Structures are given as structure tokens and as C-alpha cells.
Amino acid sequence: MIEFSGKEIENFYLKIGENVKRVRKEKNISQMQLALAIGHNSVGHVAKAELCKYDKHFSLEQLYKISRILKVSLHELLPE
């Protein structure tokens, strides 16, 4: 059985957040625009998930929506 450390999982989420932020900025979409498009009323969740702060990260559903909004493949948002 493979063991996964908390740090490894945190780095996984951190890389996803970095990828979302990079693509969002390339597409000139604000955190607020993205937050509203995925069903949040404020930028708080997006900002925290992009930085992986306070144990916040994007769910699979949110990543699917983000990939559609940003017009990129889901693969582009995930770490290698």
C-alpha cells in the first residue's frame, strides 16, 4: 500500500491553486468573476484555494467548472 504524507497532499493542492491562478490571470479574469461563475458570493474561497490557505482547496466540481469557464482542459489545472 502507498502512504501519502500530509505535505504531499498539501503540495498537490498548492500546485492546483497555482495553475488556476496562472490560467485565470492569462485569461484576464478576476478572482471575483471566477468566484461568481462557480457559485460563490465573494472572492474568499477562490483566494484561499489559489494559495491553499486555511485548508481550502478546489473541489472536483469546482475544477470542472473552472476549466469550462477558463476554456482549458481539466488536465491543464492539475499537477504533472
C-alpha atoms as a PDB file:
ATOM      1  CA  MET A   1       0.000   0.000   0.000  1.00  0.00           C
ATOM      2  CA  ILE A   2       1.228   3.510  -0.807  1.00  0.00           C
ATOM      3  CA  GLU A   3       1.436   6.027   2.009  1.00  0.00           C
ATOM      4  CA  PHE A   4       0.718   9.697   1.297  1.00  0.00           C
ATOM      5  CA  SER A   5       2.063  12.362   3.618  1.00  0.00           C
ATOM      6  CA  GLY A   6       0.065  15.426   4.529  1.00  0.00           C
ATOM      7  CA  LYS A   7       2.785  17.569   2.960  1.00  0.00           C
ATOM      8  CA  GLU A   8       2.499  15.670  -0.339  1.00  0.00           C
ATOM      9  CA  ILE A   9      -1.261  16.252  -0.474  1.00  0.00           C
ATOM     10  CA  GLU A  10      -0.814  19.903   0.515  1.00  0.00           C
ATOM     11  CA  ASN A  11       1.695  20.356  -2.328  1.00  0.00           C
ATOM     12  CA  PHE A  12      -0.792  18.737  -4.718  1.00  0.00           C
ATOM     13  CA  TYR A  13      -3.485  21.258  -3.772  1.00  0.00           C
ATOM     14  CA  LEU A  14      -0.979  24.123  -3.819  1.00  0.00           C
ATOM     15  CA  LYS A  15       0.062  23.293  -7.393  1.00  0.00           C
ATOM     16  CA  ILE A  16      -3.592  23.176  -8.487  1.00  0.00           C
ATOM     17  CA  GLY A  17      -4.138  26.603  -6.924  1.00  0.00           C
ATOM     18  CA  GLU A  18      -1.062  27.972  -8.688  1.00  0.00           C
ATOM     19  CA  ASN A  19      -2.287  26.577 -12.012  1.00  0.00           C
ATOM     20  CA  VAL A  20      -5.769  28.050 -11.573  1.00  0.00           C
ATOM     21  CA  LYS A  21      -4.274  31.437 -10.671  1.00  0.00           C
ATOM     22  CA  ARG A  22      -1.870  31.397 -13.636  1.00  0.00           C
ATOM     23  CA  VAL A  23      -4.545  30.500 -16.197  1.00  0.00           C
ATOM     24  CA  ARG A  24      -7.090  32.879 -14.628  1.00  0.00           C
ATOM     25  CA  LYS A  25      -4.621  35.751 -14.925  1.00  0.00           C
ATOM     26  CA  GLU A  26      -3.690  34.764 -18.501  1.00  0.00           C
ATOM     27  CA  LYS A  27      -7.398  34.977 -19.362  1.00  0.00           C
ATOM     28  CA  ASN A  28      -7.779  38.334 -17.558  1.00  0.00           C
ATOM     29  CA  ILE A  29     -10.458  37.022 -15.215  1.00  0.00           C
ATOM     30  CA  SER A  30     -10.598  38.398 -11.689  1.00  0.00           C
ATOM     31  CA  GLN A  31     -10.989  36.281  -8.586  1.00  0.00           C
ATOM     32  CA  MET A  32     -14.424  37.847  -8.121  1.00  0.00           C
ATOM     33  CA  GLN A  33     -15.529  36.946 -11.646  1.00  0.00           C
ATOM     34  CA  LEU A  34     -14.344  33.372 -11.152  1.00  0.00           C
ATOM     35  CA  ALA A  35     -15.940  33.123  -7.720  1.00  0.00           C
ATOM     36  CA  LEU A  36     -19.311  34.285  -9.023  1.00  0.00           C
ATOM     37  CA  ALA A  37     -19.081  31.962 -12.031  1.00  0.00           C
ATOM     38  CA  ILE A  38     -18.546  28.901  -9.826  1.00  0.00           C
ATOM     39  CA  GLY A  39     -21.304  29.885  -7.407  1.00  0.00           C
ATOM     40  CA  HIS A  40     -19.595  31.825  -4.601  1.00  0.00           C
ATOM     41  CA  ASN A  41     -20.670  35.294  -3.471  1.00  0.00           C
ATOM     42  CA  SER A  42     -17.187  36.508  -2.558  1.00  0.00           C
ATOM     43  CA  VAL A  43     -13.564  36.095  -3.578  1.00  0.00           C
ATOM     44  CA  GLY A  44     -12.652  34.495  -0.254  1.00  0.00           C
ATOM     45  CA  HIS A  45     -12.876  30.869  -1.333  1.00  0.00           C
ATOM     46  CA  VAL A  46     -11.048  31.415  -4.627  1.00  0.00           C
ATOM     47  CA  ALA A  47      -8.306  33.482  -2.987  1.00  0.00           C
ATOM     48  CA  LYS A  48      -7.754  30.929  -0.222  1.00  0.00           C
ATOM     49  CA  ALA A  49      -7.907  27.942  -2.587  1.00  0.00           C
ATOM     50  CA  GLU A  50      -5.425  29.512  -5.007  1.00  0.00           C
ATOM     51  CA  LEU A  51      -2.978  29.868  -2.107  1.00  0.00           C
ATOM     52  CA  CYS A  52      -4.067  26.676  -0.307  1.00  0.00           C
ATOM     53  CA  LYS A  53      -4.631  28.716   2.854  1.00  0.00           C
ATOM     54  CA  TYR A  54      -6.726  27.680   5.849  1.00  0.00           C
ATOM     55  CA  ASP A  55      -7.110  24.159   4.439  1.00  0.00           C
ATOM     56  CA  LYS A  56      -9.160  25.480   1.494  1.00  0.00           C
ATOM     57  CA  HIS A  57      -8.905  23.912  -1.922  1.00  0.00           C
ATOM     58  CA  PHE A  58     -10.977  23.450  -5.045  1.00  0.00           C
ATOM     59  CA  SER A  59     -13.369  20.508  -5.277  1.00  0.00           C
ATOM     60  CA  LEU A  60     -13.583  18.360  -8.401  1.00  0.00           C
ATOM     61  CA  GLU A  61     -16.846  20.065  -9.316  1.00  0.00           C
ATOM     62  CA  GLN A  62     -15.256  23.484  -8.959  1.00  0.00           C
ATOM     63  CA  LEU A  63     -12.243  22.431 -11.045  1.00  0.00           C
ATOM     64  CA  TYR A  64     -14.583  21.166 -13.759  1.00  0.00           C
ATOM     65  CA  LYS A  65     -16.450  24.494 -13.761  1.00  0.00           C
ATOM     66  CA  ILE A  66     -13.191  26.469 -13.712  1.00  0.00           C
ATOM     67  CA  SER A  67     -11.834  24.523 -16.679  1.00  0.00           C
ATOM     68  CA  ARG A  68     -15.001  25.291 -18.634  1.00  0.00           C
ATOM     69  CA  ILE A  69     -15.008  28.979 -17.616  1.00  0.00           C
ATOM     70  CA  LEU A  70     -11.329  29.426 -18.472  1.00  0.00           C
ATOM     71  CA  LYS A  71     -11.695  27.303 -21.624  1.00  0.00           C
ATOM     72  CA  VAL A  72      -8.821  24.960 -20.788  1.00  0.00           C
ATOM     73  CA  SER A  73      -8.663  21.233 -20.262  1.00  0.00           C
ATOM     74  CA  LEU A  74      -9.005  19.975 -16.746  1.00  0.00           C
ATOM     75  CA  HIS A  75      -5.588  18.397 -17.273  1.00  0.00           C
ATOM     76  CA  GLU A  76      -4.017  21.864 -17.527  1.00  0.00           C
ATOM     77  CA  LEU A  77      -5.153  22.671 -13.994  1.00  0.00           C
ATOM     78  CA  LEU A  78      -3.785  19.502 -12.439  1.00  0.00           C
ATOM     79  CA  PRO A  79      -0.165  18.891 -11.445  1.00  0.00           C
ATOM     80  CA  GLU A  80       2.051  16.704 -13.612  1.00  0.00           C
END
